[in-house]
Structure formats: C-alpha cells, structure tokens
C-alpha atoms as a PDB file:
ATOM      1  CA  MET A   1     110.137 116.707 102.475  1.00  0.00           C
ATOM      2  CA  SER A   2     108.448 117.345 105.565  1.00  0.00           C
ATOM      3  CA  SER A   3     106.112 114.358 107.426  1.00  0.00           C
ATOM      4  CA  ALA A   4     103.727 116.890 107.426  1.00  0.00           C
ATOM      5  CA  GLU A   5     103.764 116.841 103.559  1.00  0.00           C
ATOM      6  CA  LEU A   6     104.364 113.300 103.279  1.00  0.00           C
ATOM      7  CA  ASN A   7     101.161 112.200 105.730  1.00  0.00           C
ATOM      8  CA  ARG A   8      98.773 114.407 103.615  1.00  0.00           C
ATOM      9  CA  ALA A   9     100.474 112.046 101.174  1.00  0.00           C
ATOM     10  CA  TYR A  10      99.318 108.904 102.035  1.00  0.00           C
ATOM     11  CA  ARG A  11      95.800 110.063 103.341  1.00  0.00           C
ATOM     12  CA  ASP A  12      95.391 111.609  99.833  1.00  0.00           C
ATOM     13  CA  CYS A  13      96.030 108.319  98.903  1.00  0.00           C
ATOM     14  CA  ARG A  14      94.006 106.573 101.221  1.00  0.00           C
ATOM     15  CA  ARG A  15      90.941 108.372 100.728  1.00  0.00           C
ATOM     16  CA  ILE A  16      91.088 107.579  96.609  1.00  0.00           C
ATOM     17  CA  ALA A  17      91.654 103.438  98.050  1.00  0.00           C
ATOM     18  CA  ALA A  18      88.428 104.589  99.915  1.00  0.00           C
ATOM     19  CA  ALA A  19      85.596 106.279  97.046  1.00  0.00           C
ATOM     20  CA  HIS A  20      87.177 104.108  94.219  1.00  0.00           C
ATOM     21  CA  GLY A  21      88.600 100.743  95.208  1.00  0.00           C
ATOM     22  CA  ARG A  22      85.514  98.597  97.754  1.00  0.00           C
ATOM     23  CA  THR A  23      86.741  95.240  98.299  1.00  0.00           C
ATOM     24  CA  TYR A  24      90.848  96.437  98.259  1.00  0.00           C
ATOM     25  CA  PHE A  25      90.192  99.331 100.833  1.00  0.00           C
ATOM     26  CA  LEU A  26      88.004  96.578 102.795  1.00  0.00           C
ATOM     27  CA  ALA A  27      90.477  93.759 102.612  1.00  0.00           C
ATOM     28  CA  THR A  28      93.182  95.759 103.172  1.00  0.00           C
ATOM     29  CA  ARG A  29      91.797  96.444 106.889  1.00  0.00           C
ATOM     30  CA  LEU A  30      92.538  93.369 107.548  1.00  0.00           C
ATOM     31  CA  LEU A  31      96.321  94.530 107.555  1.00  0.00           C
ATOM     32  CA  GLU A  32      99.014  95.472 110.165  1.00  0.00           C
ATOM     33  CA  PRO A  33      98.276  99.296 110.466  1.00  0.00           C
ATOM     34  CA  GLU A  34     101.994 100.520 109.386  1.00  0.00           C
ATOM     35  CA  ARG A  35     101.329  98.225 105.960  1.00  0.00           C
ATOM     36  CA  ARG A  36      97.997  99.844 105.293  1.00  0.00           C
ATOM     37  CA  PRO A  37      99.521 103.689 103.792  1.00  0.00           C
ATOM     38  CA  ALA A  38     101.732 101.434 101.270  1.00  0.00           C
ATOM     39  CA  VAL A  39      98.655  99.539  99.998  1.00  0.00           C
ATOM     40  CA  HIS A  40      96.560 102.576  99.766  1.00  0.00           C
ATOM     41  CA  ALA A  41      99.622 104.651  97.349  1.00  0.00           C
ATOM     42  CA  LEU A  42      99.937 101.178  95.157  1.00  0.00           C
ATOM     43  CA  TYR A  43      95.857 101.349  94.719  1.00  0.00           C
ATOM     44  CA  ALA A  44      96.089 105.036  94.044  1.00  0.00           C
ATOM     45  CA  PHE A  45      98.540 105.319  91.599  1.00  0.00           C
ATOM     46  CA  ALA A  46      96.963 102.613  89.169  1.00  0.00           C
ATOM     47  CA  ARG A  47      94.231 104.696  89.583  1.00  0.00           C
ATOM     48  CA  MET A  48      95.065 107.880  88.921  1.00  0.00           C
ATOM     49  CA  VAL A  49      96.473 106.150  85.839  1.00  0.00           C
ATOM     50  CA  ASP A  50      93.702 104.258  84.828  1.00  0.00           C
ATOM     51  CA  ASP A  51      91.560 107.648  84.917  1.00  0.00           C
ATOM     52  CA  VAL A  52      94.727 108.912  82.858  1.00  0.00           C
ATOM     53  CA  VAL A  53      94.047 105.678  80.003  1.00  0.00           C
ATOM     54  CA  ASP A  54      89.667 106.435  80.693  1.00  0.00           C
ATOM     55  CA  ASP A  55      90.067 109.983  79.503  1.00  0.00           C
ATOM     56  CA  ALA A  56      91.837 109.096  76.654  1.00  0.00           C
ATOM     57  CA  ASP A  57      89.391 107.825  74.842  1.00  0.00           C
ATOM     58  CA  ALA A  58      87.859 111.083  73.663  1.00  0.00           C
ATOM     59  CA  PRO A  59      89.399 111.407  70.025  1.00  0.00           C
ATOM     60  CA  ALA A  60      90.651 114.741  70.843  1.00  0.00           C
ATOM     61  CA  ARG A  61      92.418 114.329  74.264  1.00  0.00           C
ATOM     62  CA  SER A  62      94.548 111.270  73.611  1.00  0.00           C
ATOM     63  CA  LEU A  63      97.683 112.643  72.519  1.00  0.00           C
ATOM     64  CA  GLU A  64      97.111 114.702  75.678  1.00  0.00           C
ATOM     65  CA  SER A  65      97.046 111.614  77.772  1.00  0.00           C
ATOM     66  CA  ALA A  66      99.518 110.013  76.590  1.00  0.00           C
ATOM     67  CA  ALA A  67     101.678 112.499  76.858  1.00  0.00           C
ATOM     68  CA  ARG A  68     100.401 113.086  80.932  1.00  0.00           C
ATOM     69  CA  LEU A  69     101.711 109.661  80.845  1.00  0.00           C
ATOM     70  CA  ASP A  70     104.596 110.269  79.891  1.00  0.00           C
ATOM     71  CA  ARG A  71     105.041 113.387  82.491  1.00  0.00           C
ATOM     72  CA  ILE A  72     103.790 110.256  85.728  1.00  0.00           C
ATOM     73  CA  GLU A  73     106.210 108.456  84.324  1.00  0.00           C
ATOM     74  CA  ASP A  74     109.255 111.033  83.981  1.00  0.00           C
ATOM     75  CA  ASP A  75     107.728 113.006  87.704  1.00  0.00           C
ATOM     76  CA  LEU A  76     108.183 109.427  89.008  1.00  0.00           C
ATOM     77  CA  ARG A  77     111.636 108.370  87.747  1.00  0.00           C
ATOM     78  CA  GLY A  78     112.906 112.181  88.896  1.00  0.00           C
ATOM     79  CA  TYR A  79     110.927 111.628  92.289  1.00  0.00           C
ATOM     80  CA  LEU A  80     112.964 108.350  92.826  1.00  0.00           C
ATOM     81  CA  VAL A  81     116.197 109.805  92.654  1.00  0.00           C
ATOM     82  CA  HIS A  82     115.474 113.220  94.513  1.00  0.00           C
ATOM     83  CA  ALA A  83     111.550 113.290  96.909  1.00  0.00           C
ATOM     84  CA  PRO A  84     110.600 117.597  96.275  1.00  0.00           C
ATOM     85  CA  THR A  85     110.158 118.990  99.134  1.00  0.00           C
ATOM     86  CA  GLU A  86     106.177 119.543  98.710  1.00  0.00           C
ATOM     87  CA  ALA A  87     103.727 118.241  96.386  1.00  0.00           C
ATOM     88  CA  ALA A  88     101.549 120.837  94.265  1.00  0.00           C
ATOM     89  CA  ASP A  89      98.488 119.073  93.619  1.00  0.00           C
ATOM     90  CA  ALA A  90      96.759 116.507  94.147  1.00  0.00           C
ATOM     91  CA  GLU A  91      98.755 113.665  91.174  1.00  0.00           C
ATOM     92  CA  HIS A  92     101.879 115.094  92.693  1.00  0.00           C
ATOM     93  CA  ARG A  93     100.580 113.467  96.099  1.00  0.00           C
ATOM     94  CA  VAL A  94     100.099 110.251  95.022  1.00  0.00           C
ATOM     95  CA  LEU A  95     103.608 110.663  93.105  1.00  0.00           C
ATOM     96  CA  LEU A  96     105.155 111.472  96.506  1.00  0.00           C
ATOM     97  CA  ALA A  97     103.179 108.711  98.511  1.00  0.00           C
ATOM     98  CA  VAL A  98     104.350 106.066  95.944  1.00  0.00           C
ATOM     99  CA  SER A  99     107.645 107.053  95.811  1.00  0.00           C
ATOM    100  CA  ASP A 100     108.499 106.666  99.611  1.00  0.00           C
ATOM    101  CA  THR A 101     106.297 103.067  99.262  1.00  0.00           C
ATOM    102  CA  ILE A 102     109.115 102.563  96.690  1.00  0.00           C
ATOM    103  CA  ARG A 103     111.855 102.825  98.633  1.00  0.00           C
ATOM    104  CA  ARG A 104     110.725 102.208 101.716  1.00  0.00           C
ATOM    105  CA  TYR A 105     109.953  98.680 100.951  1.00  0.00           C
ATOM    106  CA  GLY A 106     112.769  98.324  97.806  1.00  0.00           C
ATOM    107  CA  ILE A 107     110.157  97.525  94.883  1.00  0.00           C
ATOM    108  CA  ALA A 108     111.583  96.986  92.035  1.00  0.00           C
ATOM    109  CA  ALA A 109     110.472 100.282  89.848  1.00  0.00           C
ATOM    110  CA  GLU A 110     110.688  97.930  86.479  1.00  0.00           C
ATOM    111  CA  HIS A 111     106.950  96.951  87.992  1.00  0.00           C
ATOM    112  CA  PHE A 112     105.706 100.881  87.388  1.00  0.00           C
ATOM    113  CA  TRP A 113     107.633 100.278  84.367  1.00  0.00           C
ATOM    114  CA  VAL A 114     105.743  97.715  82.712  1.00  0.00           C
ATOM    115  CA  PHE A 115     102.460  98.748  84.419  1.00  0.00           C
ATOM    116  CA  LEU A 116     102.841 102.108  82.253  1.00  0.00           C
ATOM    117  CA  ASP A 117     104.248 100.639  79.031  1.00  0.00           C
ATOM    118  CA  SER A 118     100.341  97.820  79.468  1.00  0.00           C
ATOM    119  CA  MET A 119      98.652 101.049  79.388  1.00  0.00           C
ATOM    120  CA  ARG A 120      99.886 103.081  76.308  1.00  0.00           C
ATOM    121  CA  MET A 121      98.719  99.990  74.579  1.00  0.00           C
ATOM    122  CA  ASP A 122      94.982 101.310  75.828  1.00  0.00           C
ATOM    123  CA  ILE A 123      95.575 104.919  74.377  1.00  0.00           C
ATOM    124  CA  PRO A 124      94.462 105.611  70.801  1.00  0.00           C
ATOM    125  CA  GLY A 125      96.429 106.529  68.703  1.00  0.00           C
ATOM    126  CA  SER A 126      99.562 105.244  70.374  1.00  0.00           C
ATOM    127  CA  PRO A 127     101.988 103.230  68.212  1.00  0.00           C
ATOM    128  CA  HIS A 128     101.271 100.080  71.376  1.00  0.00           C
ATOM    129  CA  TYR A 129      97.526 100.715  71.518  1.00  0.00           C
ATOM    130  CA  ARG A 130      95.437  97.490  71.091  1.00  0.00           C
ATOM    131  CA  ASP A 131      91.379  97.543  71.071  1.00  0.00           C
ATOM    132  CA  ARG A 132      91.413  93.545  70.437  1.00  0.00           C
ATOM    133  CA  TYR A 133      93.432  90.663  72.032  1.00  0.00           C
ATOM    134  CA  PRO A 134      92.966  87.775  69.137  1.00  0.00           C
ATOM    135  CA  THR A 135      94.250  85.124  72.021  1.00  0.00           C
ATOM    136  CA  MET A 136      94.569  84.566  75.368  1.00  0.00           C
ATOM    137  CA  ALA A 137      98.337  84.672  75.349  1.00  0.00           C
ATOM    138  CA  ALA A 138      98.107  88.436  73.941  1.00  0.00           C
ATOM    139  CA  LEU A 139      95.125  89.006  76.838  1.00  0.00           C
ATOM    140  CA  ARG A 140      98.001  88.074  79.373  1.00  0.00           C
ATOM    141  CA  GLU A 141     101.097  89.776  77.789  1.00  0.00           C
ATOM    142  CA  TYR A 142      98.707  92.400  78.535  1.00  0.00           C
ATOM    143  CA  MET A 143      97.831  91.268  81.712  1.00  0.00           C
ATOM    144  CA  ARG A 144     101.523  91.322  82.984  1.00  0.00           C
ATOM    145  CA  GLY A 145     101.587  95.136  83.308  1.00  0.00           C
ATOM    146  CA  SER A 146      98.000  96.235  83.647  1.00  0.00           C
ATOM    147  CA  ALA A 147      97.581  93.366  86.619  1.00  0.00           C
ATOM    148  CA  ALA A 148     100.930  91.147  87.456  1.00  0.00           C
ATOM    149  CA  ALA A 149     102.828  93.922  87.925  1.00  0.00           C
ATOM    150  CA  ILE A 150     100.786  94.993  90.426  1.00  0.00           C
ATOM    151  CA  GLY A 151     101.510  92.198  92.121  1.00  0.00           C
ATOM    152  CA  LEU A 152     104.617  92.411  92.201  1.00  0.00           C
ATOM    153  CA  GLN A 153     104.523  96.125  93.604  1.00  0.00           C
ATOM    154  CA  LEU A 154     102.182  94.991  96.645  1.00  0.00           C
ATOM    155  CA  LEU A 155     104.689  91.676  97.928  1.00  0.00           C
ATOM    156  CA  PRO A 156     107.381  93.620  98.831  1.00  0.00           C
ATOM    157  CA  VAL A 157     105.305  95.747 100.945  1.00  0.00           C
ATOM    158  CA  LEU A 158     102.768  92.230 102.531  1.00  0.00           C
ATOM    159  CA  GLY A 159     105.997  90.797 102.948  1.00  0.00           C
ATOM    160  CA  THR A 160     106.817  86.381 102.204  1.00  0.00           C
ATOM    161  CA  VAL A 161     108.475  84.021 104.293  1.00  0.00           C
ATOM    162  CA  VAL A 162     110.048  82.668 101.035  1.00  0.00           C
ATOM    163  CA  PRO A 163     112.715  84.653  98.943  1.00  0.00           C
ATOM    164  CA  THR A 164     110.696  87.150  97.405  1.00  0.00           C
ATOM    165  CA  ALA A 165     111.556  85.206  93.749  1.00  0.00           C
ATOM    166  CA  ASP A 166     109.519  82.572  95.022  1.00  0.00           C
ATOM    167  CA  ALA A 167     106.262  84.049  95.875  1.00  0.00           C
ATOM    168  CA  GLU A 168     106.488  86.099  92.139  1.00  0.00           C
ATOM    169  CA  PRO A 169     104.607  84.029  90.352  1.00  0.00           C
ATOM    170  CA  ALA A 170     101.749  83.376  92.969  1.00  0.00           C
ATOM    171  CA  ALA A 171     101.749  87.085  92.847  1.00  0.00           C
ATOM    172  CA  ALA A 172     101.658  87.792  89.356  1.00  0.00           C
ATOM    173  CA  ALA A 173      99.138  84.831  89.202  1.00  0.00           C
ATOM    174  CA  LEU A 174      97.070  86.723  91.404  1.00  0.00           C
ATOM    175  CA  GLY A 175      96.957  90.276  89.430  1.00  0.00           C
ATOM    176  CA  GLU A 176      95.901  88.205  86.056  1.00  0.00           C
ATOM    177  CA  ALA A 177      92.893  86.623  87.977  1.00  0.00           C
ATOM    178  CA  PHE A 178      91.047  89.353  89.508  1.00  0.00           C
ATOM    179  CA  GLN A 179      92.166  91.392  85.931  1.00  0.00           C
ATOM    180  CA  LEU A 180      90.095  88.772  83.865  1.00  0.00           C
ATOM    181  CA  THR A 181      87.759  88.638  86.516  1.00  0.00           C
ATOM    182  CA  ASN A 182      87.482  92.380  85.807  1.00  0.00           C
ATOM    183  CA  PHE A 183      87.048  91.715  82.216  1.00  0.00           C
ATOM    184  CA  LEU A 184      84.658  89.624  82.292  1.00  0.00           C
ATOM    185  CA  ARG A 185      82.408  91.672  84.439  1.00  0.00           C
ATOM    186  CA  ASP A 186      82.996  94.706  82.457  1.00  0.00           C
ATOM    187  CA  ILE A 187      82.755  93.666  79.213  1.00  0.00           C
ATOM    188  CA  ALA A 188      79.513  95.830  78.428  1.00  0.00           C
ATOM    189  CA  GLU A 189      81.654  98.808  79.823  1.00  0.00           C
ATOM    190  CA  ASP A 190      84.382  97.892  77.729  1.00  0.00           C
ATOM    191  CA  LEU A 191      81.666  97.586  74.481  1.00  0.00           C
ATOM    192  CA  ASP A 192      80.969 100.936  74.782  1.00  0.00           C
ATOM    193  CA  ARG A 193      84.342 102.031  74.607  1.00  0.00           C
ATOM    194  CA  GLY A 194      85.146 100.305  71.112  1.00  0.00           C
ATOM    195  CA  ARG A 195      87.425  97.637  73.571  1.00  0.00           C
ATOM    196  CA  ILE A 196      86.709  93.538  74.113  1.00  0.00           C
ATOM    197  CA  TYR A 197      89.444  92.480  76.538  1.00  0.00           C
ATOM    198  CA  LEU A 198      88.352  88.834  75.682  1.00  0.00           C
ATOM    199  CA  PRO A 199      90.481  86.260  73.545  1.00  0.00           C
ATOM    200  CA  ALA A 200      88.629  86.229  70.681  1.00  0.00           C
ATOM    201  CA  ASP A 201      90.327  82.658  69.207  1.00  0.00           C
ATOM    202  CA  GLU A 202      88.057  81.042  72.532  1.00  0.00           C
ATOM    203  CA  LEU A 203      85.515  83.415  72.057  1.00  0.00           C
ATOM    204  CA  ALA A 204      84.829  82.002  68.024  1.00  0.00           C
ATOM    205  CA  ALA A 205      85.186  78.599  69.687  1.00  0.00           C
ATOM    206  CA  PHE A 206      81.497  78.823  70.628  1.00  0.00           C
ATOM    207  CA  GLY A 207      80.601  80.895  67.254  1.00  0.00           C
ATOM    208  CA  VAL A 208      80.727  84.426  69.246  1.00  0.00           C
ATOM    209  CA  ASP A 209      82.546  87.474  67.396  1.00  0.00           C
ATOM    210  CA  ASP A 210      82.569  91.192  67.207  1.00  0.00           C
ATOM    211  CA  GLU A 211      78.763  91.597  65.824  1.00  0.00           C
ATOM    212  CA  LEU A 212      77.542  89.603  68.409  1.00  0.00           C
ATOM    213  CA  LEU A 213      78.859  91.171  71.654  1.00  0.00           C
ATOM    214  CA  ARG A 214      77.184  94.364  69.741  1.00  0.00           C
ATOM    215  CA  HIS A 215      73.789  93.060  69.509  1.00  0.00           C
ATOM    216  CA  CYS A 216      73.733  91.249  72.819  1.00  0.00           C
ATOM    217  CA  ARG A 217      74.586  95.082  74.555  1.00  0.00           C
ATOM    218  CA  GLU A 218      72.765  96.932  72.125  1.00  0.00           C
ATOM    219  CA  SER A 219      69.127  94.539  73.225  1.00  0.00           C
ATOM    220  CA  GLY A 220      70.017  94.150  76.059  1.00  0.00           C
ATOM    221  CA  ARG A 221      70.233  89.997  76.392  1.00  0.00           C
ATOM    222  CA  THR A 222      72.354  87.372  76.573  1.00  0.00           C
ATOM    223  CA  ASP A 223      72.687  85.837  73.325  1.00  0.00           C
ATOM    224  CA  PRO A 224      73.377  81.344  74.607  1.00  0.00           C
ATOM    225  CA  ARG A 225      76.717  81.307  72.963  1.00  0.00           C
ATOM    226  CA  VAL A 226      77.895  83.685  74.749  1.00  0.00           C
ATOM    227  CA  ARG A 227      76.490  81.897  77.950  1.00  0.00           C
ATOM    228  CA  ARG A 228      78.609  78.844  77.276  1.00  0.00           C
ATOM    229  CA  ALA A 229      81.530  81.373  76.047  1.00  0.00           C
ATOM    230  CA  LEU A 230      81.717  83.091  79.763  1.00  0.00           C
ATOM    231  CA  ALA A 231      80.971  80.458  81.293  1.00  0.00           C
ATOM    232  CA  HIS A 232      83.616  78.880  79.447  1.00  0.00           C
ATOM    233  CA  LEU A 233      85.973  82.029  80.732  1.00  0.00           C
ATOM    234  CA  ILE A 234      84.800  82.126  84.380  1.00  0.00           C
ATOM    235  CA  ALA A 235      86.419  78.685  84.798  1.00  0.00           C
ATOM    236  CA  VAL A 236      89.855  79.372  82.946  1.00  0.00           C
ATOM    237  CA  ASN A 237      89.568  81.979  85.414  1.00  0.00           C
ATOM    238  CA  ARG A 238      88.794  80.186  88.441  1.00  0.00           C
ATOM    239  CA  GLY A 239      91.521  78.533  87.484  1.00  0.00           C
ATOM    240  CA  ILE A 240      93.294  81.164  87.425  1.00  0.00           C
ATOM    241  CA  TYR A 241      92.816  81.567  91.417  1.00  0.00           C
ATOM    242  CA  ARG A 242      93.481  78.027  92.631  1.00  0.00           C
ATOM    243  CA  HIS A 243      97.194  78.646  91.193  1.00  0.00           C
ATOM    244  CA  ALA A 244      97.343  81.321  92.701  1.00  0.00           C
ATOM    245  CA  THR A 245      95.763  80.969  95.897  1.00  0.00           C
ATOM    246  CA  PRO A 246      98.709  78.732  97.937  1.00  0.00           C
ATOM    247  CA  GLY A 247     100.530  81.346  97.069  1.00  0.00           C
ATOM    248  CA  ILE A 248      98.736  83.027  99.557  1.00  0.00           C
ATOM    249  CA  GLU A 249     100.829  81.109 102.540  1.00  0.00           C
ATOM    250  CA  LEU A 250     103.597  82.100 101.119  1.00  0.00           C
ATOM    251  CA  LEU A 251     103.288  85.496 102.686  1.00  0.00           C
ATOM    252  CA  THR A 252     104.108  86.623 106.296  1.00  0.00           C
ATOM    253  CA  PRO A 253     101.257  84.715 108.682  1.00  0.00           C
ATOM    254  CA  ARG A 254      99.583  88.368 109.151  1.00  0.00           C
ATOM    255  CA  VAL A 255      98.697  89.334 105.836  1.00  0.00           C
ATOM    256  CA  ARG A 256      97.680  86.614 105.085  1.00  0.00           C
ATOM    257  CA  PRO A 257      93.288  87.693 105.835  1.00  0.00           C
ATOM    258  CA  GLY A 258      93.594  90.235 103.889  1.00  0.00           C
ATOM    259  CA  ILE A 259      95.041  88.449 101.120  1.00  0.00           C
ATOM    260  CA  ARG A 260      92.192  85.946 101.433  1.00  0.00           C
ATOM    261  CA  THR A 261      89.593  87.933 101.728  1.00  0.00           C
ATOM    262  CA  ALA A 262      90.740  90.183  98.582  1.00  0.00           C
ATOM    263  CA  ALA A 263      90.784  86.619  96.528  1.00  0.00           C
ATOM    264  CA  THR A 264      87.837  85.314  98.359  1.00  0.00           C
ATOM    265  CA  LEU A 265      85.275  88.918  97.405  1.00  0.00           C
ATOM    266  CA  TYR A 266      86.916  89.040  93.889  1.00  0.00           C
ATOM    267  CA  SER A 267      86.189  85.792  93.191  1.00  0.00           C
ATOM    268  CA  ALA A 268      82.490  85.981  93.823  1.00  0.00           C
ATOM    269  CA  ILE A 269      82.017  88.408  91.455  1.00  0.00           C
ATOM    270  CA  LEU A 270      82.195  85.201  88.788  1.00  0.00           C
ATOM    271  CA  ASP A 271      79.295  83.854  91.705  1.00  0.00           C
ATOM    272  CA  GLU A 272      77.353  86.617  91.049  1.00  0.00           C
ATOM    273  CA  ILE A 273      77.391  86.737  87.148  1.00  0.00           C
ATOM    274  CA  GLU A 274      76.659  82.582  87.420  1.00  0.00           C
ATOM    275  CA  ARG A 275      73.642  84.599  89.722  1.00  0.00           C
ATOM    276  CA  GLY A 276      72.364  87.128  87.344  1.00  0.00           C
ATOM    277  CA  ASP A 277      72.222  84.216  84.494  1.00  0.00           C
ATOM    278  CA  TYR A 278      74.844  86.194  82.482  1.00  0.00           C
ATOM    279  CA  GLU A 279      73.001  88.964  81.956  1.00  0.00           C
ATOM    280  CA  VAL A 280      76.243  90.835  81.771  1.00  0.00           C
ATOM    281  CA  PHE A 281      75.740  93.594  78.964  1.00  0.00           C
ATOM    282  CA  THR A 282      72.309  95.397  81.810  1.00  0.00           C
ATOM    283  CA  ARG A 283      73.611  94.942  85.112  1.00  0.00           C
ATOM    284  CA  ARG A 284      76.850  94.910  86.486  1.00  0.00           C
ATOM    285  CA  ALA A 285      78.352  91.462  88.971  1.00  0.00           C
ATOM    286  CA  VAL A 286      78.422  93.133  92.623  1.00  0.00           C
ATOM    287  CA  VAL A 287      79.420  91.379  95.984  1.00  0.00           C
ATOM    288  CA  PRO A 288      76.499  92.315  98.166  1.00  0.00           C
ATOM    289  CA  ARG A 289      77.479  94.420 100.897  1.00  0.00           C
ATOM    290  CA  HIS A 290      76.235  91.631 103.659  1.00  0.00           C
ATOM    291  CA  ARG A 291      78.801  89.164 101.611  1.00  0.00           C
ATOM    292  CA  ARG A 292      81.919  91.269 101.786  1.00  0.00           C
ATOM    293  CA  LEU A 293      81.525  91.908 105.386  1.00  0.00           C
ATOM    294  CA  ARG A 294      80.954  88.205 106.482  1.00  0.00           C
ATOM    295  CA  VAL A 295      83.532  86.996 104.407  1.00  0.00           C
ATOM    296  CA  ALA A 296      86.202  89.749 105.874  1.00  0.00           C
ATOM    297  CA  ALA A 297      84.325  89.032 109.195  1.00  0.00           C
ATOM    298  CA  LYS A 298      85.290  85.604 109.254  1.00  0.00           C
ATOM    299  CA  GLU A 299      88.607  86.270 108.083  1.00  0.00           C
ATOM    300  CA  PHE A 300      88.997  88.409 111.400  1.00  0.00           C
ATOM    301  CA  ALA A 301      87.654  85.457 112.752  1.00  0.00           C
ATOM    302  CA  LEU A 302      89.718  83.409 112.369  1.00  0.00           C
ATOM    303  CA  ALA A 303      93.040  85.168 112.211  1.00  0.00           C
ATOM    304  CA  ALA A 304      95.763  84.567 115.717  1.00  0.00           C
ATOM    305  CA  PRO A 305      94.850  86.754 118.908  1.00  0.00           C
ATOM    306  CA  THR A 306      97.751  88.553 118.044  1.00  0.00           C
ATOM    307  CA  GLN A 307      97.147  89.330 114.751  1.00  0.00           C
ATOM    308  CA  ARG A 308      93.963  90.654 115.413  1.00  0.00           C
ATOM    309  CA  ALA A 309      94.876  92.831 118.276  1.00  0.00           C
ATOM    310  CA  ALA A 310      97.291  93.954 115.268  1.00  0.00           C
ATOM    311  CA  LEU A 311      94.384  94.111 113.352  1.00  0.00           C
ATOM    312  CA  SER A 312      92.427  95.987 115.045  1.00  0.00           C
END
C-alpha cells in the first residue's frame, strides 16, 4: 500500500476519535505524537463495530448487521495476511489503519476476535445474544471482550516497563472499569433499546427489577431503591478503578499522563452521577469541559520537562 493511502486511513481514524471520543481524544493528546495514530485507529475500529451493533436494534437489520460483523472480521483477517494496495471506502480505511497498527505493535489478534464475539452478544437474533445479565460474573464475561480486550489491544502501543503479561491484568481491569462506568451512565439509553447491562442479582438485593427500572424511565424519577442500587454499583466500579490504576505505573513513563487523565476523567463520570442525585433516567452525566481541561493540564504540568517537549 502507498504511504499516502495509509496516512489517509489514519487521518480518518483521527477524525472519528475527535468526533466521538472526547475524553479519550483529549487523553491521547498527552501521548507522544508517534503513538497517537495507533490509539486513534483502535478507537475508530471499536467505534465502527459499535455502530454496526447499534444499527442491529432495528429488527429488520439484525441479520444484516450480524453478516456485516462477519465481513469485518473476515476482511481484518485478510488484511493481516496481505495488506491491500488501496482501501475502497471509510470502513476499509479503518481496517487498513488498524491492521497496520496490529502488525506495527505486535498486538495479539486474538484480542480482536474476542472483542467481536462479545459484540455479537449485542445483536438480536444471534445465538449468543443477551439483553440481561443475571450476575456480575456473567456481565464480566461480556466485558472481557467488550472492554478488557480493548485495554489489552492498547497495551503494546503504550509500552510497559515490565513484561507485557505482567501489566495485562491491570490493563484489562481498567477497560472493565471504563465499561461499567458507561453502563451506569447510559442505563436509560440501554433501557430504550431493551437492554440492562447491570447484574440482576445485585439490583434485586435492593428491590430493583426490570419493571421498576422501566417505571423510572417512564416517570423520569429515580426511585430510592434504584438510588441505593446505583450507589452500591458505583462503589463496586470505584473498587475496580482502585485495582486498575496502580497498573499505570507499569506503563512507559511518557504515556502515564495520558492514561491517568483518561482514568481520572472517566471515573469522574461517577461523581457527576452522584452530583445529579442519580437522575440517570432524564440526564446523561457528563464531565464539564472546564474540568476535563483542568485535569489534562495538571497531568501535563506534572510531566517531566523532557516529556512535555515530546507531548507538545
């Protein structure tokens, strides 16, 4: 493939990351310039797959979406064997960039197949489809592909000061922490799609079931039982962050500010849920822009002078 074609593919990925992943894109600015395109490519691939899954919510399109996921996997497998001379459209430019990233950084392709398998669990009509999770263990099985795999994809790009395998548990946990934060923030949106990505047994311990959650969505009011359940799950989520964040010190020093920024800002979504009195059914918790910029600036200021020069 030509360098111009590959550069165009990476530029497409950067635009996708800037448009859809504000927190991650800001954190990526704290990485060394040469690492940023790979992170953009990984984000764009995950976003592209997520868009396919979202499109599957229309009953008439679920089979088409499942087939499209299969084509994406087949095309990526093919790109890893033999890179094409050109990419025909935006989807294939993302695949071109991510396949180059996989080869360049020696990322285990298995992390992508596990990710795609979890995404198939979101497609109605798929043999693996799930719209409810009875336990946290079942939810973690899903998150192993949907979130932990993302952390493991990123790890070789970020680099480590220990053998990669030693840093993998914390990287997987950070991905899981991010994903659970998403589930807590997006509970109303997921309900509208007929899904609940929270463990049913832990909700039931507080007297919360599907019917009560639907009532909260329809009324726009968070029942006290739901508040207590969300407070509990936020505590669980923070425990995962506490387990994951020491692993940031296992990364190469120059990437730590960016990952600390992402972890701080994403966990701050939990603060916003609490600050909004758990009114997740009528508003989407968002970290204010001024706080996002303040956190990023603080990490930038704490970086060593040589790091700041590299990050500029």
